Amino acid sequence: MSTSSTTDAARLTLMLTDLRLPTIKAVWSRFADQADQEGWPAARLLATLAEHELAERARRRLERHLIDARLPPGKTLDNFDFTAVPMVSQAQVRALTSGDRWLDEGANLILFGPPGGGKSHLAAAIGLALVEAGYRVLYTRTTDLVQRLQVARRELTLEAAIAKLDKYHLLILDDLAYVTKDQAETSVLFELISARYEQRSLLITANQPFGEWGKIFPDPAMTLAAVDRLVHHATLFELNVDSYRRRTAMENKRSQGRPATRATLKTSHSVSPSDNGSTDLPGSPGEAG
């Protein structure tokens, strides 16, 4: 390489650093040599370098968002056993993971069912699919988030703390039932629900149907207002099945104590949309699927 070429390469490296184009900085020399050998037009070389930079940025962004989402590991739609919950349509769930319309409208998803029925797995799997589709998601136990919001209230920063959650297209609140029937806890939860109403989406898992939410919110008026905001634009799934954990224990006992081969639900074939047992309310995202 001539002295002039060496100088140009050094200048280019410095400029790419200043422009924060690390991928182009790493690959430009290789593609420039290929372009010289194959006679590429300048536009092809520039487009190739830009494509690599964009692809690497997308990969890093996905990696950051996956870490930020705090999803439990190993929970995917591919290893969720839809045959164990025939009242839930796999086709509808997968349609919802495209995200677009219902997330733009701030609609909600609510998963009901007894403990061990797969609600948390399905919620996390939906969250993962949405992150992979480019959306921001945060998964949290409801009690953990409520405690953080209570601290913010004591520090007079509750409004700011709730506003920070606006960056998430979907906030997954797992195990709503375990919030204690305490005015301080339920009031911050209600404020969160109210703040996200028709603005940002919630996915909630709960053991009790709405009729028993009086056990969560001490004030009947607050219970009614919370339910009203959540279901106004919502898709509901009822996973009314036996506990997966209990079924697994029984199967292990029948097989003379052989340990389970996996901790998540097994992969299985999809069920027909005609098997769907979810309830779509007027204006809900399920109407699009």
C-alpha atoms as a PDB file:
ATOM      1  CA  MET A   1       0.000   0.000   0.000  1.00  0.00           C
ATOM      2  CA  SER A   2       1.355   3.403  -0.975  1.00  0.00           C
ATOM      3  CA  THR A   3       2.050   6.114   1.551  1.00  0.00           C
ATOM      4  CA  SER A   4      -0.970   8.044   0.251  1.00  0.00           C
ATOM      5  CA  SER A   5      -3.226   5.007   0.584  1.00  0.00           C
ATOM      6  CA  THR A   6      -1.945   4.330   4.081  1.00  0.00           C
ATOM      7  CA  THR A   7      -2.664   7.920   5.085  1.00  0.00           C
ATOM      8  CA  ASP A   8      -6.160   7.759   3.575  1.00  0.00           C
ATOM      9  CA  ALA A   9      -6.877   4.494   5.426  1.00  0.00           C
ATOM     10  CA  ALA A  10      -5.735   6.015   8.718  1.00  0.00           C
ATOM     11  CA  ARG A  11      -7.891   9.119   8.165  1.00  0.00           C
ATOM     12  CA  LEU A  12     -10.887   6.972   7.270  1.00  0.00           C
ATOM     13  CA  THR A  13     -10.475   4.901  10.420  1.00  0.00           C
ATOM     14  CA  LEU A  14     -10.427   8.045  12.554  1.00  0.00           C
ATOM     15  CA  MET A  15     -13.478   9.488  10.800  1.00  0.00           C
ATOM     16  CA  LEU A  16     -15.463   6.267  11.156  1.00  0.00           C
ATOM     17  CA  THR A  17     -14.647   6.311  14.860  1.00  0.00           C
ATOM     18  CA  ASP A  18     -15.876   9.898  15.155  1.00  0.00           C
ATOM     19  CA  LEU A  19     -19.042   8.998  13.221  1.00  0.00           C
ATOM     20  CA  ARG A  20     -19.627   5.987  15.500  1.00  0.00           C
ATOM     21  CA  LEU A  21     -19.681   3.468  12.666  1.00  0.00           C
ATOM     22  CA  PRO A  22     -17.757   0.591  14.289  1.00  0.00           C
ATOM     23  CA  THR A  23     -18.963  -2.136  11.929  1.00  0.00           C
ATOM     24  CA  ILE A  24     -17.965  -0.242   8.794  1.00  0.00           C
ATOM     25  CA  LYS A  25     -14.658   0.517  10.501  1.00  0.00           C
ATOM     26  CA  ALA A  26     -14.109  -3.221  11.022  1.00  0.00           C
ATOM     27  CA  VAL A  27     -15.091  -4.438   7.539  1.00  0.00           C
ATOM     28  CA  TRP A  28     -14.474  -1.631   5.046  1.00  0.00           C
ATOM     29  CA  SER A  29     -10.974  -2.740   4.089  1.00  0.00           C
ATOM     30  CA  ARG A  30     -12.091  -6.268   3.215  1.00  0.00           C
ATOM     31  CA  PHE A  31     -15.008  -5.090   1.100  1.00  0.00           C
ATOM     32  CA  ALA A  32     -12.922  -2.373  -0.525  1.00  0.00           C
ATOM     33  CA  ASP A  33     -10.430  -5.024  -1.688  1.00  0.00           C
ATOM     34  CA  GLN A  34     -13.282  -7.159  -3.012  1.00  0.00           C
ATOM     35  CA  ALA A  35     -14.770  -4.149  -4.793  1.00  0.00           C
ATOM     36  CA  ASP A  36     -11.414  -3.399  -6.449  1.00  0.00           C
ATOM     37  CA  GLN A  37     -11.014  -7.004  -7.590  1.00  0.00           C
ATOM     38  CA  GLU A  38     -14.563  -7.386  -8.925  1.00  0.00           C
ATOM     39  CA  GLY A  39     -15.038  -3.879 -10.266  1.00  0.00           C
ATOM     40  CA  TRP A  40     -17.965  -2.904  -8.043  1.00  0.00           C
ATOM     41  CA  PRO A  41     -19.519   0.504  -8.648  1.00  0.00           C
ATOM     42  CA  ALA A  42     -19.133   2.894  -5.724  1.00  0.00           C
ATOM     43  CA  ALA A  43     -22.845   2.698  -4.868  1.00  0.00           C
ATOM     44  CA  ARG A  44     -22.643  -1.082  -4.382  1.00  0.00           C
ATOM     45  CA  LEU A  45     -19.703  -0.783  -2.005  1.00  0.00           C
ATOM     46  CA  LEU A  46     -21.397   1.938   0.029  1.00  0.00           C
ATOM     47  CA  ALA A  47     -24.669  -0.017   0.175  1.00  0.00           C
ATOM     48  CA  THR A  48     -22.869  -3.179   1.314  1.00  0.00           C
ATOM     49  CA  LEU A  49     -21.071  -1.338   4.099  1.00  0.00           C
ATOM     50  CA  ALA A  50     -24.290   0.390   5.216  1.00  0.00           C
ATOM     51  CA  GLU A  51     -26.168  -2.935   5.275  1.00  0.00           C
ATOM     52  CA  HIS A  52     -23.545  -4.484   7.553  1.00  0.00           C
ATOM     53  CA  GLU A  53     -23.651  -1.489   9.902  1.00  0.00           C
ATOM     54  CA  LEU A  54     -27.452  -1.596  10.126  1.00  0.00           C
ATOM     55  CA  ALA A  55     -27.528  -5.368  10.673  1.00  0.00           C
ATOM     56  CA  GLU A  56     -25.003  -5.168  13.505  1.00  0.00           C
ATOM     57  CA  ARG A  57     -26.887  -2.283  15.111  1.00  0.00           C
ATOM     58  CA  ALA A  58     -30.098  -4.319  14.978  1.00  0.00           C
ATOM     59  CA  ARG A  59     -28.335  -7.287  16.587  1.00  0.00           C
ATOM     60  CA  ARG A  60     -26.927  -5.151  19.402  1.00  0.00           C
ATOM     61  CA  ARG A  61     -30.286  -3.446  19.939  1.00  0.00           C
ATOM     62  CA  LEU A  62     -32.049  -6.814  20.218  1.00  0.00           C
ATOM     63  CA  GLU A  63     -29.417  -7.990  22.686  1.00  0.00           C
ATOM     64  CA  ARG A  64     -29.912  -4.877  24.847  1.00  0.00           C
ATOM     65  CA  HIS A  65     -33.686  -5.178  24.752  1.00  0.00           C
ATOM     66  CA  LEU A  66     -33.587  -8.858  25.701  1.00  0.00           C
ATOM     67  CA  ILE A  67     -31.453  -8.046  28.745  1.00  0.00           C
ATOM     68  CA  ASP A  68     -33.681  -5.103  29.642  1.00  0.00           C
ATOM     69  CA  ALA A  69     -36.864  -7.215  29.345  1.00  0.00           C
ATOM     70  CA  ARG A  70     -35.809  -9.466  32.268  1.00  0.00           C
ATOM     71  CA  LEU A  71     -37.703 -12.412  30.808  1.00  0.00           C
ATOM     72  CA  PRO A  72     -37.338 -15.781  32.548  1.00  0.00           C
ATOM     73  CA  PRO A  73     -35.049 -17.991  30.449  1.00  0.00           C
ATOM     74  CA  GLY A  74     -36.230 -20.848  28.288  1.00  0.00           C
ATOM     75  CA  LYS A  75     -39.858 -19.742  27.932  1.00  0.00           C
ATOM     76  CA  THR A  76     -40.717 -19.714  24.227  1.00  0.00           C
ATOM     77  CA  LEU A  77     -43.789 -20.327  22.104  1.00  0.00           C
ATOM     78  CA  ASP A  78     -42.018 -23.263  20.477  1.00  0.00           C
ATOM     79  CA  ASN A  79     -41.686 -25.145  23.762  1.00  0.00           C
ATOM     80  CA  PHE A  80     -45.105 -24.194  25.125  1.00  0.00           C
ATOM     81  CA  ASP A  81     -47.515 -27.144  25.003  1.00  0.00           C
ATOM     82  CA  PHE A  82     -50.630 -25.727  23.371  1.00  0.00           C
ATOM     83  CA  THR A  83     -52.227 -29.197  23.430  1.00  0.00           C
ATOM     84  CA  ALA A  84     -52.328 -28.922  27.237  1.00  0.00           C
ATOM     85  CA  VAL A  85     -54.493 -25.786  26.967  1.00  0.00           C
ATOM     86  CA  PRO A  86     -56.850 -26.509  24.032  1.00  0.00           C
ATOM     87  CA  MET A  87     -58.968 -23.500  24.947  1.00  0.00           C
ATOM     88  CA  VAL A  88     -56.118 -21.238  23.771  1.00  0.00           C
ATOM     89  CA  SER A  89     -55.546 -20.868  20.037  1.00  0.00           C
ATOM     90  CA  GLN A  90     -51.901 -21.060  19.040  1.00  0.00           C
ATOM     91  CA  ALA A  91     -52.752 -19.282  15.795  1.00  0.00           C
ATOM     92  CA  GLN A  92     -54.276 -16.338  17.662  1.00  0.00           C
ATOM     93  CA  VAL A  93     -51.367 -16.117  20.095  1.00  0.00           C
ATOM     94  CA  ARG A  94     -48.845 -16.079  17.265  1.00  0.00           C
ATOM     95  CA  ALA A  95     -50.882 -13.429  15.446  1.00  0.00           C
ATOM     96  CA  LEU A  96     -50.773 -11.262  18.569  1.00  0.00           C
ATOM     97  CA  THR A  97     -46.971 -11.480  18.674  1.00  0.00           C
ATOM     98  CA  SER A  98     -46.779  -9.425  15.490  1.00  0.00           C
ATOM     99  CA  GLY A  99     -47.736  -6.642  17.902  1.00  0.00           C
ATOM    100  CA  ASP A 100     -48.536  -3.791  15.563  1.00  0.00           C
ATOM    101  CA  ARG A 101     -52.201  -2.776  15.971  1.00  0.00           C
ATOM    102  CA  TRP A 102     -53.009  -3.732  19.557  1.00  0.00           C
ATOM    103  CA  LEU A 103     -49.755  -2.350  20.963  1.00  0.00           C
ATOM    104  CA  ASP A 104     -50.215   0.877  19.037  1.00  0.00           C
ATOM    105  CA  GLU A 105     -53.668   1.208  20.599  1.00  0.00           C
ATOM    106  CA  GLY A 106     -52.526   0.401  24.132  1.00  0.00           C
ATOM    107  CA  ALA A 107     -54.729  -2.708  24.334  1.00  0.00           C
ATOM    108  CA  ASN A 108     -54.189  -5.391  26.977  1.00  0.00           C
ATOM    109  CA  LEU A 109     -53.839  -9.156  27.339  1.00  0.00           C
ATOM    110  CA  ILE A 110     -55.119 -10.937  30.448  1.00  0.00           C
ATOM    111  CA  LEU A 111     -54.361 -14.576  31.247  1.00  0.00           C
ATOM    112  CA  PHE A 112     -56.535 -16.299  33.850  1.00  0.00           C
ATOM    113  CA  GLY A 113     -56.111 -19.742  35.321  1.00  0.00           C
ATOM    114  CA  PRO A 114     -55.121 -21.763  38.385  1.00  0.00           C
ATOM    115  CA  PRO A 115     -51.485 -21.970  39.533  1.00  0.00           C
ATOM    116  CA  GLY A 116     -49.291 -24.205  37.409  1.00  0.00           C
ATOM    117  CA  GLY A 117     -51.438 -23.958  34.289  1.00  0.00           C
ATOM    118  CA  GLY A 118     -48.828 -22.254  32.111  1.00  0.00           C
ATOM    119  CA  LYS A 119     -49.832 -18.586  32.417  1.00  0.00           C
ATOM    120  CA  SER A 120     -46.352 -17.314  33.284  1.00  0.00           C
ATOM    121  CA  HIS A 121     -44.733 -19.424  30.566  1.00  0.00           C
ATOM    122  CA  LEU A 122     -47.156 -18.138  27.939  1.00  0.00           C
ATOM    123  CA  ALA A 123     -46.777 -14.530  29.119  1.00  0.00           C
ATOM    124  CA  ALA A 124     -42.968 -14.734  28.950  1.00  0.00           C
ATOM    125  CA  ALA A 125     -43.089 -16.441  25.550  1.00  0.00           C
ATOM    126  CA  ILE A 126     -45.316 -13.695  24.149  1.00  0.00           C
ATOM    127  CA  GLY A 127     -42.937 -11.119  25.589  1.00  0.00           C
ATOM    128  CA  LEU A 128     -39.931 -12.795  23.971  1.00  0.00           C
ATOM    129  CA  ALA A 129     -41.620 -12.955  20.571  1.00  0.00           C
ATOM    130  CA  LEU A 130     -42.476  -9.251  20.780  1.00  0.00           C
ATOM    131  CA  VAL A 131     -38.904  -8.300  21.720  1.00  0.00           C
ATOM    132  CA  GLU A 132     -37.691 -10.278  18.709  1.00  0.00           C
ATOM    133  CA  ALA A 133     -40.208  -8.344  16.604  1.00  0.00           C
ATOM    134  CA  GLY A 134     -38.647  -5.066  17.728  1.00  0.00           C
ATOM    135  CA  TYR A 135     -40.834  -4.032  20.670  1.00  0.00           C
ATOM    136  CA  ARG A 136     -39.767  -2.994  24.169  1.00  0.00           C
ATOM    137  CA  VAL A 137     -41.027  -5.320  26.908  1.00  0.00           C
ATOM    138  CA  LEU A 138     -40.561  -5.533  30.674  1.00  0.00           C
ATOM    139  CA  TYR A 139     -41.450  -8.682  32.621  1.00  0.00           C
ATOM    140  CA  THR A 140     -41.856  -8.369  36.384  1.00  0.00           C
ATOM    141  CA  ARG A 141     -43.639  -9.971  39.294  1.00  0.00           C
ATOM    142  CA  THR A 142     -46.456  -7.635  40.233  1.00  0.00           C
ATOM    143  CA  THR A 143     -45.375  -7.521  43.873  1.00  0.00           C
ATOM    144  CA  ASP A 144     -41.815  -6.495  42.937  1.00  0.00           C
ATOM    145  CA  LEU A 145     -42.990  -3.608  40.773  1.00  0.00           C
ATOM    146  CA  VAL A 146     -45.542  -2.480  43.332  1.00  0.00           C
ATOM    147  CA  GLN A 147     -42.854  -2.342  46.003  1.00  0.00           C
ATOM    148  CA  ARG A 148     -40.633  -0.204  43.754  1.00  0.00           C
ATOM    149  CA  LEU A 149     -43.533   2.137  43.053  1.00  0.00           C
ATOM    150  CA  GLN A 150     -44.259   2.420  46.767  1.00  0.00           C
ATOM    151  CA  VAL A 151     -40.677   3.522  47.353  1.00  0.00           C
ATOM    152  CA  ALA A 152     -41.088   6.090  44.576  1.00  0.00           C
ATOM    153  CA  ARG A 153     -44.259   7.392  46.219  1.00  0.00           C
ATOM    154  CA  ARG A 154     -42.482   7.850  49.545  1.00  0.00           C
ATOM    155  CA  GLU A 155     -39.739   9.729  47.715  1.00  0.00           C
ATOM    156  CA  LEU A 156     -42.347  11.863  45.893  1.00  0.00           C
ATOM    157  CA  THR A 157     -41.226  10.508  42.503  1.00  0.00           C
ATOM    158  CA  LEU A 158     -44.127   8.170  41.689  1.00  0.00           C
ATOM    159  CA  GLU A 159     -45.256  10.102  38.619  1.00  0.00           C
ATOM    160  CA  ALA A 160     -41.733  10.060  37.203  1.00  0.00           C
ATOM    161  CA  ALA A 161     -41.322   6.339  37.971  1.00  0.00           C
ATOM    162  CA  ILE A 162     -44.529   5.480  36.128  1.00  0.00           C
ATOM    163  CA  ALA A 163     -43.539   7.753  33.235  1.00  0.00           C
ATOM    164  CA  LYS A 164     -40.249   5.857  32.866  1.00  0.00           C
ATOM    165  CA  LEU A 165     -42.266   2.710  32.178  1.00  0.00           C
ATOM    166  CA  ASP A 166     -43.741   4.373  29.090  1.00  0.00           C
ATOM    167  CA  LYS A 167     -40.700   3.295  27.096  1.00  0.00           C
ATOM    168  CA  TYR A 168     -42.025  -0.264  27.243  1.00  0.00           C
ATOM    169  CA  HIS A 169     -44.650  -1.100  24.650  1.00  0.00           C
ATOM    170  CA  LEU A 170     -45.731  -3.993  26.876  1.00  0.00           C
ATOM    171  CA  LEU A 171     -45.474  -4.311  30.651  1.00  0.00           C
ATOM    172  CA  ILE A 172     -45.975  -7.904  31.844  1.00  0.00           C
ATOM    173  CA  LEU A 173     -47.312  -8.097  35.412  1.00  0.00           C
ATOM    174  CA  ASP A 174     -47.052 -11.697  36.570  1.00  0.00           C
ATOM    175  CA  ASP A 175     -49.052 -13.057  39.520  1.00  0.00           C
ATOM    176  CA  LEU A 176     -51.385 -10.159  40.176  1.00  0.00           C
ATOM    177  CA  ALA A 177     -53.116 -12.164  42.897  1.00  0.00           C
ATOM    178  CA  TYR A 178     -50.124 -11.962  45.234  1.00  0.00           C
ATOM    179  CA  VAL A 179     -50.454  -8.246  45.782  1.00  0.00           C
ATOM    180  CA  THR A 180     -51.604  -7.895  49.380  1.00  0.00           C
ATOM    181  CA  LYS A 181     -54.913  -6.237  50.119  1.00  0.00           C
ATOM    182  CA  ASP A 182     -53.240  -3.104  51.372  1.00  0.00           C
ATOM    183  CA  GLN A 183     -54.323   0.421  50.485  1.00  0.00           C
ATOM    184  CA  ALA A 184     -50.765   1.615  49.822  1.00  0.00           C
ATOM    185  CA  GLU A 185     -49.928  -1.270  47.476  1.00  0.00           C
ATOM    186  CA  THR A 186     -53.178  -1.365  45.569  1.00  0.00           C
ATOM    187  CA  SER A 187     -53.326   2.400  45.110  1.00  0.00           C
ATOM    188  CA  VAL A 188     -49.980   2.533  43.278  1.00  0.00           C
ATOM    189  CA  LEU A 189     -51.056  -0.450  41.179  1.00  0.00           C
ATOM    190  CA  PHE A 190     -54.265   1.363  40.294  1.00  0.00           C
ATOM    191  CA  GLU A 191     -52.321   4.487  39.361  1.00  0.00           C
ATOM    192  CA  LEU A 192     -50.121   2.405  37.049  1.00  0.00           C
ATOM    193  CA  ILE A 193     -53.173   0.849  35.374  1.00  0.00           C
ATOM    194  CA  SER A 194     -54.769   4.274  34.979  1.00  0.00           C
ATOM    195  CA  ALA A 195     -51.596   5.864  33.577  1.00  0.00           C
ATOM    196  CA  ARG A 196     -51.209   3.175  30.892  1.00  0.00           C
ATOM    197  CA  TYR A 197     -54.897   3.104  29.970  1.00  0.00           C
ATOM    198  CA  GLU A 198     -55.218   3.495  26.176  1.00  0.00           C
ATOM    199  CA  GLN A 199     -51.571   4.622  26.060  1.00  0.00           C
ATOM    200  CA  ARG A 200     -49.401   1.571  26.694  1.00  0.00           C
ATOM    201  CA  SER A 201     -50.262  -2.114  26.934  1.00  0.00           C
ATOM    202  CA  LEU A 202     -50.351  -4.449  29.918  1.00  0.00           C
ATOM    203  CA  LEU A 203     -50.200  -8.229  30.022  1.00  0.00           C
ATOM    204  CA  ILE A 204     -51.505  -9.516  33.338  1.00  0.00           C
ATOM    205  CA  THR A 205     -51.569 -13.044  34.723  1.00  0.00           C
ATOM    206  CA  ALA A 206     -54.011 -13.761  37.523  1.00  0.00           C
ATOM    207  CA  ASN A 207     -55.292 -16.796  39.387  1.00  0.00           C
ATOM    208  CA  GLN A 208     -58.731 -15.301  40.096  1.00  0.00           C
ATOM    209  CA  PRO A 209     -61.415 -14.167  37.672  1.00  0.00           C
ATOM    210  CA  PHE A 210     -62.521 -10.547  37.844  1.00  0.00           C
ATOM    211  CA  GLY A 211     -65.311 -11.419  40.253  1.00  0.00           C
ATOM    212  CA  GLU A 212     -62.724 -12.203  42.934  1.00  0.00           C
ATOM    213  CA  TRP A 213     -60.554  -9.132  42.454  1.00  0.00           C
ATOM    214  CA  GLY A 214     -62.145  -7.646  45.549  1.00  0.00           C
ATOM    215  CA  LYS A 215     -59.524  -9.743  47.347  1.00  0.00           C
ATOM    216  CA  ILE A 216     -56.842  -7.587  45.690  1.00  0.00           C
ATOM    217  CA  PHE A 217     -58.328  -4.090  45.799  1.00  0.00           C
ATOM    218  CA  PRO A 218     -59.805  -3.184  49.213  1.00  0.00           C
ATOM    219  CA  ASP A 219     -62.110  -0.535  47.762  1.00  0.00           C
ATOM    220  CA  PRO A 220     -64.996  -1.903  45.618  1.00  0.00           C
ATOM    221  CA  ALA A 221     -65.041   1.289  43.559  1.00  0.00           C
ATOM    222  CA  MET A 222     -61.331   0.913  42.852  1.00  0.00           C
ATOM    223  CA  THR A 223     -61.858  -2.719  41.862  1.00  0.00           C
ATOM    224  CA  LEU A 224     -64.578  -1.763  39.389  1.00  0.00           C
ATOM    225  CA  ALA A 225     -62.514   1.099  37.947  1.00  0.00           C
ATOM    226  CA  ALA A 226     -59.409  -1.088  37.541  1.00  0.00           C
ATOM    227  CA  VAL A 227     -61.324  -3.878  35.809  1.00  0.00           C
ATOM    228  CA  ASP A 228     -63.117  -1.368  33.568  1.00  0.00           C
ATOM    229  CA  ARG A 229     -59.832   0.134  32.351  1.00  0.00           C
ATOM    230  CA  LEU A 230     -58.184  -3.242  31.812  1.00  0.00           C
ATOM    231  CA  VAL A 231     -60.978  -4.865  29.813  1.00  0.00           C
ATOM    232  CA  HIS A 232     -62.062  -1.855  27.732  1.00  0.00           C
ATOM    233  CA  HIS A 233     -59.559  -2.927  25.047  1.00  0.00           C
ATOM    234  CA  ALA A 234     -58.444  -6.429  25.906  1.00  0.00           C
ATOM    235  CA  THR A 235     -58.077 -10.025  24.863  1.00  0.00           C
ATOM    236  CA  LEU A 236     -58.693 -12.573  27.609  1.00  0.00           C
ATOM    237  CA  PHE A 237     -57.348 -16.112  27.717  1.00  0.00           C
ATOM    238  CA  GLU A 238     -58.582 -18.623  30.289  1.00  0.00           C
ATOM    239  CA  LEU A 239     -56.134 -21.466  30.965  1.00  0.00           C
ATOM    240  CA  ASN A 240     -58.508 -23.577  33.025  1.00  0.00           C
ATOM    241  CA  VAL A 241     -56.403 -26.740  33.187  1.00  0.00           C
ATOM    242  CA  ASP A 242     -54.768 -28.899  35.831  1.00  0.00           C
ATOM    243  CA  SER A 243     -51.422 -27.745  37.130  1.00  0.00           C
ATOM    244  CA  TYR A 244     -48.588 -28.676  34.796  1.00  0.00           C
ATOM    245  CA  ARG A 245     -46.296 -29.086  37.783  1.00  0.00           C
ATOM    246  CA  ARG A 246     -48.783 -31.446  39.432  1.00  0.00           C
ATOM    247  CA  ARG A 247     -49.200 -33.458  36.222  1.00  0.00           C
ATOM    248  CA  THR A 248     -45.427 -33.739  35.881  1.00  0.00           C
ATOM    249  CA  ALA A 249     -45.076 -34.968  39.475  1.00  0.00           C
ATOM    250  CA  MET A 250     -47.725 -37.619  38.894  1.00  0.00           C
ATOM    251  CA  GLU A 251     -46.061 -38.760  35.667  1.00  0.00           C
ATOM    252  CA  ASN A 252     -42.712 -39.003  37.451  1.00  0.00           C
ATOM    253  CA  LYS A 253     -44.299 -41.034  40.215  1.00  0.00           C
ATOM    254  CA  ARG A 254     -45.844 -43.434  37.697  1.00  0.00           C
ATOM    255  CA  SER A 255     -42.466 -43.813  36.003  1.00  0.00           C
ATOM    256  CA  GLN A 256     -40.918 -44.824  39.361  1.00  0.00           C
ATOM    257  CA  GLY A 257     -39.327 -41.522  40.176  1.00  0.00           C
ATOM    258  CA  ARG A 258     -37.523 -40.930  36.889  1.00  0.00           C
ATOM    259  CA  PRO A 259     -36.671 -37.196  36.852  1.00  0.00           C
ATOM    260  CA  ALA A 260     -38.312 -34.896  34.348  1.00  0.00           C
ATOM    261  CA  THR A 261     -36.246 -34.252  31.241  1.00  0.00           C
ATOM    262  CA  ARG A 262     -37.082 -30.568  31.054  1.00  0.00           C
ATOM    263  CA  ALA A 263     -38.421 -27.760  33.158  1.00  0.00           C
ATOM    264  CA  THR A 264     -40.688 -26.198  30.562  1.00  0.00           C
ATOM    265  CA  LEU A 265     -43.679 -27.411  28.657  1.00  0.00           C
ATOM    266  CA  LYS A 266     -42.872 -29.713  25.760  1.00  0.00           C
ATOM    267  CA  THR A 267     -43.067 -28.633  22.142  1.00  0.00           C
ATOM    268  CA  SER A 268     -46.169 -29.822  20.408  1.00  0.00           C
ATOM    269  CA  HIS A 269     -48.262 -29.233  17.334  1.00  0.00           C
ATOM    270  CA  SER A 270     -50.594 -26.270  17.103  1.00  0.00           C
ATOM    271  CA  VAL A 271     -54.321 -26.458  17.616  1.00  0.00           C
ATOM    272  CA  SER A 272     -56.904 -25.242  15.183  1.00  0.00           C
ATOM    273  CA  PRO A 273     -58.202 -21.688  15.627  1.00  0.00           C
ATOM    274  CA  SER A 274     -61.606 -23.316  15.983  1.00  0.00           C
ATOM    275  CA  ASP A 275     -60.452 -24.678  19.344  1.00  0.00           C
ATOM    276  CA  ASN A 276     -59.936 -21.165  20.676  1.00  0.00           C
ATOM    277  CA  GLY A 277     -61.501 -20.537  24.035  1.00  0.00           C
ATOM    278  CA  SER A 278     -60.337 -16.974  24.538  1.00  0.00           C
ATOM    279  CA  THR A 279     -62.780 -14.132  24.974  1.00  0.00           C
ATOM    280  CA  ASP A 280     -62.276 -11.081  22.778  1.00  0.00           C
ATOM    281  CA  LEU A 281     -64.024  -7.960  23.965  1.00  0.00           C
ATOM    282  CA  PRO A 282     -65.301  -5.354  21.478  1.00  0.00           C
ATOM    283  CA  GLY A 283     -62.416  -3.466  19.960  1.00  0.00           C
ATOM    284  CA  SER A 284     -59.879  -5.998  21.257  1.00  0.00           C
ATOM    285  CA  PRO A 285     -56.709  -7.017  19.381  1.00  0.00           C
ATOM    286  CA  GLY A 286     -58.105 -10.506  18.921  1.00  0.00           C
ATOM    287  CA  GLU A 287     -60.474  -9.169  16.264  1.00  0.00           C
ATOM    288  CA  ALA A 288     -57.539  -8.593  13.970  1.00  0.00           C
ATOM    289  CA  GLY A 289     -56.344 -12.232  14.195  1.00  0.00           C
END
